[in-house]
């Protein structure tokens, strides 16, 4: 038995429901477990949209999610740089960069909650 078929069987045993819709990437049947819909083969979440408006809303959320993740990665990089920096002028510049990224993060989070 292939790994994909085994995973699908395991999902069904765990209470997941196989849907009539298929994955837009690989055409494998989608599964729903609780409120989550996902592709067992691609092993990633899938959103089923019923209107163009809903598709735009979901795409916008994905862009904001990706942007938030990128900002958090930059803040993490700056945190590492600050820990290793001794020069006061450079620390001031790094601190200003952190402030800018934190403001950007706050704005992205406001957009997501709107």
Protein backbone atom coordinates (compact mmCIF):
# COMPACT_ATOMS: atom_id res chain seq x y z
CA UNK A 1 0.00 0.00 0.00
CA UNK A 2 1.38 3.43 -0.97
CA UNK A 3 2.18 6.00 1.69
CA UNK A 4 -0.61 8.28 0.46
CA UNK A 5 -3.25 5.56 0.61
CA UNK A 6 -2.06 4.55 4.09
CA UNK A 7 -2.27 8.16 5.25
CA UNK A 8 -5.80 8.46 3.85
CA UNK A 9 -6.86 5.24 5.60
CA UNK A 10 -5.35 6.51 8.87
CA UNK A 11 -7.24 9.78 8.48
CA UNK A 12 -10.53 7.95 7.97
CA UNK A 13 -9.86 5.77 11.04
CA UNK A 14 -9.17 8.91 13.08
CA UNK A 15 -12.56 10.38 12.18
CA UNK A 16 -11.68 12.53 9.18
CA UNK A 17 -14.25 12.80 6.39
CA UNK A 18 -13.27 12.41 2.75
CA UNK A 19 -14.83 15.20 0.70
CA UNK A 20 -16.03 15.17 -2.90
CA UNK A 21 -13.76 18.13 -3.65
CA UNK A 22 -10.20 17.47 -4.76
CA UNK A 23 -6.91 19.24 -4.20
CA UNK A 24 -6.32 21.99 -6.78
CA UNK A 25 -2.64 21.00 -6.93
CA UNK A 26 -2.61 17.18 -7.07
CA UNK A 27 -6.31 16.24 -7.58
CA UNK A 28 -6.31 13.96 -4.52
CA UNK A 29 -9.56 13.91 -2.53
CA UNK A 30 -9.61 16.45 0.30
CA UNK A 31 -10.25 15.54 3.93
CA UNK A 32 -11.94 17.45 6.74
CA UNK A 33 -11.06 16.87 10.36
CA UNK A 34 -12.92 19.22 12.66
CA UNK A 35 -12.89 22.62 10.97
CA UNK A 36 -9.70 21.94 9.01
CA UNK A 37 -9.75 20.92 5.34
CA UNK A 38 -6.51 19.58 3.91
CA UNK A 39 -4.87 17.47 1.24
CA UNK A 40 -3.46 14.18 2.54
CA UNK A 41 -0.98 13.91 -0.35
CA UNK A 42 0.34 17.51 -0.28
CA UNK A 43 -0.01 17.57 3.52
CA UNK A 44 -1.19 21.17 3.57
CA UNK A 45 -4.39 23.06 4.36
CA UNK A 46 -6.82 23.85 1.56
CA UNK A 47 -9.53 26.50 1.59
CA UNK A 48 -12.76 25.77 -0.21
CA UNK A 49 -14.27 29.02 -1.44
CA UNK A 50 -17.84 29.56 -2.51
CA UNK A 51 -17.53 33.05 -4.01
CA UNK A 52 -15.02 35.38 -5.62
CA UNK A 53 -15.32 37.67 -2.59
CA UNK A 54 -14.40 34.83 -0.24
CA UNK A 55 -11.46 33.91 -2.47
CA UNK A 56 -10.14 37.49 -2.30
CA UNK A 57 -10.58 37.53 1.49
CA UNK A 58 -8.67 34.25 1.92
CA UNK A 59 -5.91 35.32 -0.48
CA UNK A 60 -5.54 38.60 1.41
CA UNK A 61 -5.27 36.73 4.71
CA UNK A 62 -2.57 34.48 3.25
CA UNK A 63 -0.58 37.50 2.06
CA UNK A 64 -0.85 39.11 5.50
CA UNK A 65 0.10 35.82 7.21
CA UNK A 66 3.19 35.54 5.00
CA UNK A 67 4.09 39.18 5.61
CA UNK A 68 3.76 38.74 9.37
CA UNK A 69 6.03 35.69 9.23
CA UNK A 70 8.65 37.61 7.21
CA UNK A 71 8.57 40.51 9.68
CA UNK A 72 9.00 38.14 12.63
CA UNK A 73 11.99 36.56 10.90
CA UNK A 74 13.58 40.00 10.44
CA UNK A 75 13.00 40.85 14.10
CA UNK A 76 14.64 37.54 15.06
CA UNK A 77 17.65 38.32 12.85
CA UNK A 78 17.96 41.77 14.44
CA UNK A 79 17.73 40.25 17.91
CA UNK A 80 20.70 38.02 17.12
CA UNK A 81 22.64 40.96 15.69
CA UNK A 82 21.92 43.06 18.81
CA UNK A 83 23.19 40.29 21.10
CA UNK A 84 26.49 40.18 19.21
CA UNK A 85 26.99 43.92 18.68
CA UNK A 86 29.20 46.08 20.92
CA UNK A 87 29.38 49.32 18.94
CA UNK A 88 26.93 51.91 20.35
CA UNK A 89 26.20 53.55 17.02
CA UNK A 90 25.46 50.20 15.43
CA UNK A 91 23.29 49.21 18.41
CA UNK A 92 21.33 52.45 17.97
CA UNK A 93 20.81 51.64 14.27
CA UNK A 94 19.75 48.09 15.09
CA UNK A 95 17.36 49.38 17.75
CA UNK A 96 15.80 51.75 15.24
CA UNK A 97 15.40 48.89 12.76
CA UNK A 98 13.65 46.80 15.43
CA UNK A 99 11.30 49.72 16.15
CA UNK A 100 10.42 50.04 12.46
CA UNK A 101 9.71 46.30 12.15
CA UNK A 102 7.61 46.31 15.33
CA UNK A 103 5.49 49.16 13.95
CA UNK A 104 5.08 47.24 10.70
CA UNK A 105 4.09 44.11 12.64
CA UNK A 106 1.49 46.05 14.59
CA UNK A 107 0.02 47.44 11.36
CA UNK A 108 -0.16 44.00 9.74
CA UNK A 109 -1.90 42.58 12.81
CA UNK A 110 -4.42 45.42 12.75
CA UNK A 111 -5.17 44.68 9.09
CA UNK A 112 -5.64 40.98 9.87
CA UNK A 113 -8.12 41.69 12.64
CA UNK A 114 -10.11 44.23 10.58
